[in-house]
Amino acid sequence: MSVATGFLGIAVLLILLALQVPVAISLILVSFGGVYLMIGIEPAIGILTSTPYEFIASWTLSAVPMFLLMGYVAFHSGLTGSLFDAAKLVFRRIPGGLGISSIFACTGFASVSGSSLATAAAMGRIAIPEMIKAGYKPSFASGILAAGGTIGALIPPSILMIIFGVFTETSVLKVFMGGISIGILTAVAYSLLVLGVARFRPDIIPPVTQGIDDLNGRDVLIQIWPLLALITIIFGGMFSGIFTATEAGAVGAMGAIVISALSGRLNWQQLYQSVLETLSTTASLFIIGVGAVMFTKFVGLSGVGGAINNLMIGMELNYYQLLFVIVILYLILGMFLEPFGAMLITLPILLPLLQAEGISIVWFGVFLVKLLEVGMITPPLGMNVFIIKNVASKYVSLGDVFKGVMPFIIVDMFLVALIIVFPDIVLYLPNKL
């Protein structure tokens, strides 16, 4: 009866999500109702009252609001504004230089943001108008930024990776290290795509580079040094062992405030807005996390995880077949759910299976984040696509943006296959750590 209740709960959860009930509310309702049906009202109330404290009291989770605050302060104070100009100086002579600059500007913004949506929105406002002015086809220009935004969740400090590390009791620092490899690999692969389009499709990217010869390297360096200092403090301290990944959040937030204030970029209104947005985003993430922990307890009590594990073992899937199933699962979920919901709904079911198969949880964390970020640009509900549509509505329609990201989705599928076949791409740096 418990296993049947578990599968019934999963079915009800899918129905609630299809009805667009918020993910957190869906998880909490299903978990509470399922535990009540299996073992009674008092245990259900006990789980409902104890889980929020158990989850939110995790010391590692304190990094989430700190890294969010760092990113919001860096954005509102204008620390990230010169990233695009700096990238243009480096890639000005390369065909498709503006597009490649946009991708590496997204990579730089990711190092102080940790958010795919924030990266796409911030860089999209700056880069898309300039690319279109230079003659880029609007749909492809918007596709570059929608795809480039996904790097925001791959390069540390990734909020998705922090939540994954806490939920799976895995070293966040090791997941960060694996994310660096995949984030840089993604940026390089996207850049090669832009370079190829510039070489062979002058109707999409014109051969003439415009608008960057008047940049002064000294002026750009003066503008970007505060951000470089902040990135050096965070990554230098974290990867040298001076402070942990959790402590890096506090150091990064304080560093962003101090550097912004000393450079005259931060006022009280900007600080207030940054704190307000940090509180709002943290609350929304944590309530989903509470629901996911409750769902984990419900799944564990029902025995669904063991039943699915036994089913998969009975099917005798090999490594590649199992990961193929997981890829299809997350690509489908990514079309309809935001990444945090998709990750936290499925981890309670998949973790026992992954552990039984001996798959590295650190590797899977990076692999999972990459898959979830592909979902951010796939139709019909790719969230990065909608963000880019909003910031560039005068240039493109929603269909144009989806058309523009299609070549990048193909590149992403190639990268996913590469990670599966060569897992050491992810694990090399964590193993060195």
Protein backbone atom coordinates (compact mmCIF):
# COMPACT_ATOMS: atom_id res chain seq x y z
CA MET A 1 0.00 0.00 0.00
CA SER A 2 2.88 2.38 0.78
CA VAL A 3 4.46 1.95 -2.66
CA ALA A 4 1.07 2.49 -4.30
CA THR A 5 0.62 5.64 -2.20
CA GLY A 6 4.05 6.81 -3.31
CA PHE A 7 3.29 6.42 -6.99
CA LEU A 8 -0.11 8.05 -6.44
CA GLY A 9 1.66 10.98 -4.82
CA ILE A 10 3.99 11.35 -7.78
CA ALA A 11 1.00 11.31 -10.16
CA VAL A 12 -0.79 13.96 -8.09
CA LEU A 13 2.40 16.06 -8.07
CA LEU A 14 2.59 15.95 -11.87
CA ILE A 15 -1.06 16.94 -12.12
CA LEU A 16 -0.56 19.89 -9.77
CA LEU A 17 2.46 21.04 -11.75
CA ALA A 18 0.49 20.74 -15.00
CA LEU A 19 -2.18 22.95 -13.40
CA GLN A 20 0.61 25.49 -12.71
CA VAL A 21 0.41 25.20 -8.95
CA PRO A 22 3.73 26.60 -7.61
CA VAL A 23 6.40 23.92 -7.26
CA ALA A 24 6.93 24.51 -3.52
CA ILE A 25 3.22 24.30 -2.73
CA SER A 26 2.82 21.18 -4.86
CA LEU A 27 5.70 19.42 -3.09
CA ILE A 28 4.49 20.34 0.39
CA LEU A 29 0.86 19.36 -0.27
CA VAL A 30 1.73 16.00 -1.82
CA SER A 31 4.27 15.16 0.89
CA PHE A 32 1.97 16.11 3.75
CA GLY A 33 -0.97 14.27 2.24
CA GLY A 34 1.09 11.19 1.42
CA VAL A 35 2.58 10.87 4.91
CA TYR A 36 -0.89 11.41 6.41
CA LEU A 37 -2.35 8.57 4.30
CA MET A 38 0.49 6.19 5.19
CA ILE A 39 1.11 6.76 8.89
CA GLY A 40 -1.33 9.35 10.20
CA ILE A 41 -1.86 13.02 10.91
CA GLU A 42 0.63 13.47 13.76
CA PRO A 43 3.69 12.27 11.78
CA ALA A 44 2.56 14.42 8.85
CA ILE A 45 2.34 17.51 11.08
CA GLY A 46 5.69 16.58 12.62
CA ILE A 47 7.38 16.50 9.21
CA LEU A 48 5.69 19.76 8.21
CA THR A 49 6.90 21.59 11.32
CA SER A 50 10.40 20.14 11.63
CA THR A 51 11.56 20.11 7.99
CA PRO A 52 11.87 23.89 7.47
CA TYR A 53 14.29 24.17 10.39
CA GLU A 54 16.23 21.03 9.42
CA PHE A 55 16.78 22.29 5.89
CA ILE A 56 17.32 26.02 6.38
CA ALA A 57 19.56 25.56 9.44
CA SER A 58 22.23 24.01 7.19
CA TRP A 59 25.42 26.08 7.51
CA THR A 60 26.34 25.52 3.86
CA LEU A 61 23.10 27.14 2.71
CA SER A 62 24.23 30.46 4.18
CA ALA A 63 26.34 30.80 1.04
CA VAL A 64 23.19 31.21 -1.08
CA PRO A 65 22.04 34.65 0.17
CA MET A 66 25.65 35.82 0.40
CA PHE A 67 26.48 34.98 -3.22
CA LEU A 68 23.13 36.41 -4.32
CA LEU A 69 23.88 39.64 -2.45
CA MET A 70 27.30 39.80 -4.07
CA GLY A 71 25.78 39.42 -7.53
CA TYR A 72 23.04 41.99 -6.97
CA VAL A 73 25.48 44.55 -5.52
CA ALA A 74 27.87 44.00 -8.45
CA PHE A 75 25.02 44.46 -10.91
CA HIS A 76 23.28 47.47 -9.35
CA SER A 77 26.55 49.30 -8.65
CA GLY A 78 27.68 48.84 -12.25
CA LEU A 79 30.74 46.69 -11.48
CA THR A 80 29.78 44.33 -14.33
CA GLY A 81 29.02 47.03 -16.89
CA SER A 82 32.47 47.04 -18.49
CA LEU A 83 32.69 43.27 -19.04
CA PHE A 84 31.45 43.51 -22.61
CA ASP A 85 33.95 46.23 -23.51
CA ALA A 86 36.81 44.23 -22.00
CA ALA A 87 35.82 41.14 -23.99
CA LYS A 88 35.58 43.21 -27.17
CA LEU A 89 39.15 44.40 -26.71
CA VAL A 90 40.34 40.79 -26.64
CA PHE A 91 38.27 39.47 -29.55
CA ARG A 92 37.98 42.59 -31.73
CA ARG A 93 39.93 41.13 -34.67
CA ILE A 94 38.24 37.73 -34.76
CA PRO A 95 35.31 37.08 -37.15
CA GLY A 96 32.16 37.20 -35.06
CA GLY A 97 34.10 39.09 -32.39
CA LEU A 98 31.04 40.82 -30.94
CA GLY A 99 29.20 37.52 -30.52
CA ILE A 100 32.23 35.84 -28.96
CA SER A 101 32.69 38.86 -26.70
CA SER A 102 29.09 38.48 -25.56
CA ILE A 103 29.68 34.84 -24.61
CA PHE A 104 32.82 35.57 -22.60
CA ALA A 105 31.17 38.60 -21.01
CA CYS A 106 28.45 36.20 -19.84
CA THR A 107 31.19 33.93 -18.46
CA GLY A 108 32.69 36.84 -16.54
CA PHE A 109 29.31 37.95 -15.19
CA ALA A 110 28.63 34.36 -14.12
CA SER A 111 31.61 34.49 -11.77
CA VAL A 112 29.83 37.06 -9.61
CA SER A 113 26.23 36.10 -10.30
CA GLY A 114 25.55 32.37 -10.05
CA SER A 115 22.28 32.82 -11.92
CA SER A 116 21.44 31.97 -15.51
CA LEU A 117 18.53 34.41 -15.67
CA ALA A 118 20.53 37.31 -14.21
CA THR A 119 23.39 36.69 -16.65
CA ALA A 120 21.09 36.61 -19.68
CA ALA A 121 19.19 39.74 -18.60
CA ALA A 122 22.23 41.83 -17.69
CA MET A 123 24.32 41.01 -20.74
CA GLY A 124 21.35 40.97 -23.11
CA ARG A 125 20.56 44.61 -22.43
CA ILE A 126 24.11 45.60 -23.30
CA ALA A 127 25.14 43.27 -26.11
CA ILE A 128 22.08 42.65 -28.29
CA PRO A 129 21.56 46.27 -29.44
CA GLU A 130 25.25 46.57 -30.28
CA MET A 131 25.32 43.32 -32.27
CA ILE A 132 22.21 44.29 -34.23
CA LYS A 133 23.70 47.72 -34.92
CA ALA A 134 26.79 45.95 -36.30
CA GLY A 135 24.61 43.97 -38.72
CA TYR A 136 24.04 40.69 -36.86
CA LYS A 137 20.79 38.92 -37.67
CA PRO A 138 18.53 39.75 -34.68
CA SER A 139 17.40 36.18 -34.09
CA PHE A 140 20.97 34.87 -33.91
CA ALA A 141 22.15 37.77 -31.76
CA SER A 142 19.39 37.06 -29.25
CA GLY A 143 20.17 33.33 -29.41
CA ILE A 144 23.79 34.03 -28.47
CA LEU A 145 22.72 35.82 -25.29
CA ALA A 146 19.99 33.32 -24.34
CA ALA A 147 22.50 30.48 -24.64
CA GLY A 148 25.36 32.48 -23.12
CA GLY A 149 23.20 33.12 -20.08
CA THR A 150 23.19 29.40 -19.27
CA ILE A 151 26.88 29.68 -18.39
CA GLY A 152 25.72 31.66 -15.35
CA ALA A 153 24.76 28.44 -13.56
CA LEU A 154 27.91 26.52 -14.57
CA ILE A 155 30.67 28.88 -13.47
CA PRO A 156 31.03 29.18 -9.67
CA PRO A 157 29.47 30.51 -7.53
CA SER A 158 26.50 28.63 -9.00
CA ILE A 159 23.40 28.73 -6.79
CA LEU A 160 22.15 25.51 -8.39
CA MET A 161 25.37 23.75 -7.46
CA ILE A 162 25.19 24.98 -3.86
CA ILE A 163 21.65 23.64 -3.49
CA PHE A 164 22.71 20.35 -5.10
CA GLY A 165 25.67 20.01 -2.74
CA VAL A 166 23.53 20.65 0.33
CA PHE A 167 20.74 18.33 -0.80
CA THR A 168 23.07 15.44 -1.65
CA GLU A 169 25.58 16.10 1.17
CA THR A 170 28.35 16.50 -1.40
CA SER A 171 31.31 18.89 -1.29
CA VAL A 172 30.15 22.14 -2.87
CA LEU A 173 33.75 23.09 -3.61
CA LYS A 174 34.31 19.90 -5.63
CA VAL A 175 31.12 20.51 -7.62
CA PHE A 176 32.32 24.09 -8.21
CA MET A 177 35.63 22.77 -9.52
CA GLY A 178 33.86 20.48 -11.96
CA GLY A 179 31.64 23.37 -13.03
CA ILE A 180 34.64 25.47 -14.02
CA SER A 181 35.69 22.91 -16.63
CA ILE A 182 32.22 22.61 -18.15
CA GLY A 183 31.54 26.33 -18.00
CA ILE A 184 34.72 27.16 -19.89
CA LEU A 185 34.16 24.27 -22.32
CA THR A 186 30.65 25.57 -23.01
CA ALA A 187 31.92 29.10 -23.63
CA VAL A 188 34.58 27.80 -26.04
CA ALA A 189 32.09 25.56 -27.88
CA TYR A 190 29.59 28.42 -28.27
CA SER A 191 32.39 30.69 -29.50
CA LEU A 192 33.45 28.15 -32.11
CA LEU A 193 29.86 28.03 -33.34
CA VAL A 194 29.77 31.83 -33.65
CA LEU A 195 33.14 31.77 -35.43
CA GLY A 196 31.85 29.15 -37.87
CA VAL A 197 28.70 31.15 -38.62
CA ALA A 198 30.79 34.28 -39.16
CA ARG A 199 33.03 32.39 -41.60
CA PHE A 200 30.34 30.72 -43.68
CA ARG A 201 27.14 32.76 -43.20
CA PRO A 202 27.86 36.46 -43.83
CA ASP A 203 24.11 36.98 -44.10
CA ILE A 204 23.85 36.21 -40.35
CA ILE A 205 27.10 37.77 -39.09
CA PRO A 206 28.64 40.44 -41.33
CA PRO A 207 32.38 40.22 -42.03
CA VAL A 208 32.97 43.87 -41.13
CA THR A 209 33.53 44.59 -37.43
CA GLN A 210 32.05 47.87 -36.24
CA GLY A 211 31.98 49.93 -33.11
CA ILE A 212 35.04 48.61 -31.24
CA ASP A 213 38.07 50.36 -32.73
CA ASP A 214 37.41 53.42 -30.59
CA LEU A 215 37.82 51.47 -27.32
CA ASN A 216 40.72 52.56 -25.14
CA GLY A 217 42.39 49.67 -23.34
CA ARG A 218 43.50 51.82 -20.41
CA ASP A 219 40.02 53.23 -19.85
CA VAL A 220 38.46 49.77 -19.99
CA LEU A 221 41.02 48.41 -17.53
CA ILE A 222 40.25 51.24 -15.10
CA GLN A 223 36.56 50.39 -15.36
CA ILE A 224 36.97 46.66 -14.91
CA TRP A 225 39.65 46.44 -12.20
CA PRO A 226 37.17 46.43 -9.26
CA LEU A 227 35.41 43.38 -10.72
CA LEU A 228 38.72 41.63 -11.40
CA ALA A 229 39.75 42.31 -7.81
CA LEU A 230 36.50 40.82 -6.51
CA ILE A 231 36.82 37.69 -8.67
CA THR A 232 40.46 37.26 -7.57
CA ILE A 233 39.49 37.51 -3.89
CA ILE A 234 36.71 34.92 -4.22
CA PHE A 235 38.40 32.33 -6.41
CA GLY A 236 41.89 32.86 -5.04
CA GLY A 237 40.74 32.43 -1.45
CA MET A 238 38.36 29.56 -2.15
CA PHE A 239 40.64 27.40 -4.27
CA SER A 240 43.78 28.10 -2.22
CA GLY A 241 42.02 26.92 0.92
CA ILE A 242 42.08 30.25 2.76
CA PHE A 243 38.34 29.96 3.20
CA THR A 244 35.65 27.42 2.35
CA ALA A 245 33.05 27.74 -0.39
CA THR A 246 30.52 28.72 2.28
CA GLU A 247 32.79 31.39 3.74
CA ALA A 248 33.52 32.62 0.23
CA GLY A 249 29.93 33.82 -0.01
CA ALA A 250 30.33 36.15 2.96
CA VAL A 251 33.74 37.32 1.75
CA GLY A 252 32.33 37.93 -1.74
CA ALA A 253 29.32 39.89 -0.48
CA MET A 254 31.46 42.08 1.78
CA GLY A 255 34.05 42.47 -0.96
CA ALA A 256 31.41 43.60 -3.47
CA ILE A 257 30.04 46.19 -1.03
CA VAL A 258 33.46 47.53 -0.02
CA ILE A 259 34.90 47.65 -3.55
CA SER A 260 31.73 49.25 -4.97
CA ALA A 261 31.68 51.84 -2.19
CA LEU A 262 35.40 52.69 -2.51
CA SER A 263 35.09 53.11 -6.26
CA GLY A 264 32.13 55.46 -5.78
CA ARG A 265 29.64 53.22 -7.54
CA LEU A 266 27.37 52.23 -4.63
CA ASN A 267 24.74 54.36 -2.89
CA TRP A 268 22.20 53.52 -0.19
CA GLN A 269 19.36 53.04 -2.66
CA GLN A 270 21.34 50.50 -4.68
CA LEU A 271 22.34 48.64 -1.51
CA TYR A 272 18.72 48.59 -0.33
CA GLN A 273 17.55 47.25 -3.69
CA SER A 274 20.26 44.57 -3.65
CA VAL A 275 19.28 43.41 -0.14
CA LEU A 276 15.58 43.38 -1.06
CA GLU A 277 16.15 41.25 -4.17
CA THR A 278 18.44 38.93 -2.21
CA LEU A 279 15.75 38.34 0.41
CA SER A 280 13.06 37.72 -2.19
CA THR A 281 15.14 35.27 -4.24
CA THR A 282 16.45 33.43 -1.17
CA ALA A 283 12.95 32.97 0.22
CA SER A 284 11.65 31.53 -3.05
CA LEU A 285 14.59 29.11 -3.33
CA PHE A 286 14.40 27.96 0.27
CA ILE A 287 10.67 27.25 0.25
CA ILE A 288 11.22 24.98 -2.78
CA GLY A 289 14.03 23.30 -0.87
CA VAL A 290 11.78 22.70 2.15
CA GLY A 291 9.17 21.11 -0.11
CA ALA A 292 11.83 18.93 -1.74
CA VAL A 293 13.12 17.64 1.61
CA MET A 294 9.55 16.79 2.64
CA PHE A 295 9.08 15.00 -0.68
CA THR A 296 12.30 13.04 -0.07
CA LYS A 297 10.94 11.83 3.27
CA PHE A 298 7.63 10.89 1.67
CA VAL A 299 9.36 8.95 -1.13
CA GLY A 300 11.59 7.20 1.40
CA LEU A 301 8.69 6.18 3.62
CA SER A 302 6.65 4.92 0.68
CA GLY A 303 9.43 2.73 -0.73
CA VAL A 304 9.07 4.21 -4.23
CA GLY A 305 12.81 4.80 -4.51
CA GLY A 306 13.58 1.16 -3.83
CA ALA A 307 10.85 0.01 -6.22
CA ILE A 308 12.21 2.17 -9.05
CA ASN A 309 15.74 1.04 -8.24
CA ASN A 310 14.70 -2.63 -8.43
CA LEU A 311 12.85 -1.94 -11.68
CA MET A 312 15.92 -0.36 -13.26
CA ILE A 313 18.14 -3.19 -12.05
CA GLY A 314 15.67 -5.69 -13.51
CA MET A 315 15.85 -3.88 -16.86
CA GLU A 316 19.65 -4.39 -16.76
CA LEU A 317 20.42 -0.99 -18.24
CA ASN A 318 24.10 -0.32 -18.81
CA TYR A 319 25.82 2.99 -18.00
CA TYR A 320 25.01 4.65 -21.31
CA GLN A 321 21.40 3.45 -21.43
CA LEU A 322 20.75 4.70 -17.90
CA LEU A 323 22.21 8.12 -18.64
CA PHE A 324 20.26 8.27 -21.91
CA VAL A 325 17.05 7.79 -19.92
CA ILE A 326 18.14 10.50 -17.46
CA VAL A 327 18.97 12.91 -20.29
CA ILE A 328 15.54 12.42 -21.87
CA LEU A 329 13.87 12.85 -18.47
CA TYR A 330 15.53 16.19 -17.77
CA LEU A 331 15.10 17.51 -21.30
CA ILE A 332 11.36 16.90 -20.98
CA LEU A 333 11.18 18.38 -17.47
CA GLY A 334 13.25 21.36 -18.62
CA MET A 335 10.57 22.23 -21.15
CA PHE A 336 8.01 22.80 -18.42
CA LEU A 337 9.75 23.35 -15.05
CA GLU A 338 12.31 25.83 -13.78
CA PRO A 339 15.68 24.23 -12.87
CA PHE A 340 15.37 24.22 -9.08
CA GLY A 341 12.00 22.50 -9.19
CA ALA A 342 13.12 19.95 -11.78
CA MET A 343 16.26 19.13 -9.79
CA LEU A 344 14.69 18.84 -6.36
CA ILE A 345 11.66 16.86 -7.50
CA THR A 346 13.77 14.17 -9.15
CA LEU A 347 16.82 13.85 -6.88
CA PRO A 348 15.00 11.88 -4.15
CA ILE A 349 14.13 9.23 -6.74
CA LEU A 350 17.39 9.21 -8.71
CA LEU A 351 20.01 9.40 -5.94
CA PRO A 352 19.58 5.80 -4.69
CA LEU A 353 19.81 4.57 -8.27
CA LEU A 354 22.97 6.58 -8.99
CA GLN A 355 24.62 5.35 -5.81
CA ALA A 356 23.72 1.73 -6.65
CA GLU A 357 25.33 2.16 -10.08
CA GLY A 358 28.48 3.68 -8.57
CA ILE A 359 28.11 6.97 -10.49
CA SER A 360 30.08 9.87 -8.96
CA ILE A 361 27.70 12.31 -7.28
CA VAL A 362 30.13 15.18 -7.94
CA TRP A 363 30.14 14.30 -11.64
CA PHE A 364 26.37 13.94 -11.70
CA GLY A 365 25.92 17.34 -10.03
CA VAL A 366 27.78 19.12 -12.81
CA PHE A 367 26.16 16.96 -15.48
CA LEU A 368 22.73 17.68 -14.01
CA VAL A 369 23.27 21.44 -13.92
CA LYS A 370 24.34 21.34 -17.56
CA LEU A 371 21.19 19.41 -18.49
CA LEU A 372 18.98 21.79 -16.51
CA GLU A 373 20.55 24.76 -18.27
CA VAL A 374 19.78 23.22 -21.66
CA GLY A 375 16.17 23.27 -20.45
CA MET A 376 16.50 27.03 -19.97
CA ILE A 377 16.62 27.52 -23.74
CA THR A 378 14.36 24.72 -25.03
CA PRO A 379 10.78 25.37 -26.15
CA PRO A 380 8.08 25.87 -25.10
CA LEU A 381 9.06 27.39 -21.73
CA GLY A 382 12.78 28.10 -21.91
CA MET A 383 13.08 30.81 -19.27
CA ASN A 384 16.22 32.42 -20.72
CA VAL A 385 14.41 32.80 -24.02
CA PHE A 386 11.58 34.71 -22.35
CA ILE A 387 14.07 36.90 -20.50
CA ILE A 388 15.86 37.80 -23.75
CA LYS A 389 12.52 38.43 -25.46
CA ASN A 390 11.66 40.92 -22.71
CA VAL A 391 14.95 42.80 -22.83
CA ALA A 392 15.09 42.87 -26.66
CA SER A 393 11.38 43.08 -27.54
CA LYS A 394 11.98 45.96 -29.99
CA TYR A 395 14.25 43.74 -32.09
CA VAL A 396 12.88 40.18 -31.91
CA SER A 397 9.77 38.08 -31.35
CA LEU A 398 9.63 35.03 -29.11
CA GLY A 399 9.82 32.79 -32.18
CA ASP A 400 12.95 34.61 -33.35
CA VAL A 401 14.74 33.89 -30.08
CA PHE A 402 13.77 30.21 -30.11
CA LYS A 403 15.03 30.03 -33.69
CA GLY A 404 18.27 31.69 -32.67
CA VAL A 405 19.03 29.24 -29.84
CA MET A 406 18.52 26.08 -31.91
CA PRO A 407 22.18 25.84 -33.10
CA PHE A 408 23.31 26.27 -29.48
CA ILE A 409 21.01 23.47 -28.31
CA ILE A 410 22.71 21.18 -30.86
CA VAL A 411 26.11 22.21 -29.46
CA ASP A 412 24.83 21.53 -25.93
CA MET A 413 23.73 18.03 -26.89
CA PHE A 414 27.21 17.36 -28.25
CA LEU A 415 28.71 18.60 -24.96
CA VAL A 416 26.34 16.41 -22.92
CA ALA A 417 27.45 13.38 -24.93
CA LEU A 418 31.10 14.38 -24.44
CA ILE A 419 30.63 14.59 -20.65
CA ILE A 420 29.04 11.13 -20.60
CA VAL A 421 31.75 9.48 -22.68
CA PHE A 422 34.64 11.32 -20.97
CA PRO A 423 33.61 11.92 -17.34
CA ASP A 424 37.16 13.01 -16.45
CA ILE A 425 36.39 16.30 -18.19
CA VAL A 426 34.33 17.07 -15.09
CA LEU A 427 36.30 15.12 -12.50
CA TYR A 428 39.87 16.17 -13.32
CA LEU A 429 39.89 19.36 -11.22
CA PRO A 430 37.86 17.93 -8.29
CA ASN A 431 40.23 14.95 -8.14
CA LYS A 432 43.22 17.30 -8.07
CA LEU A 433 41.56 19.17 -5.20
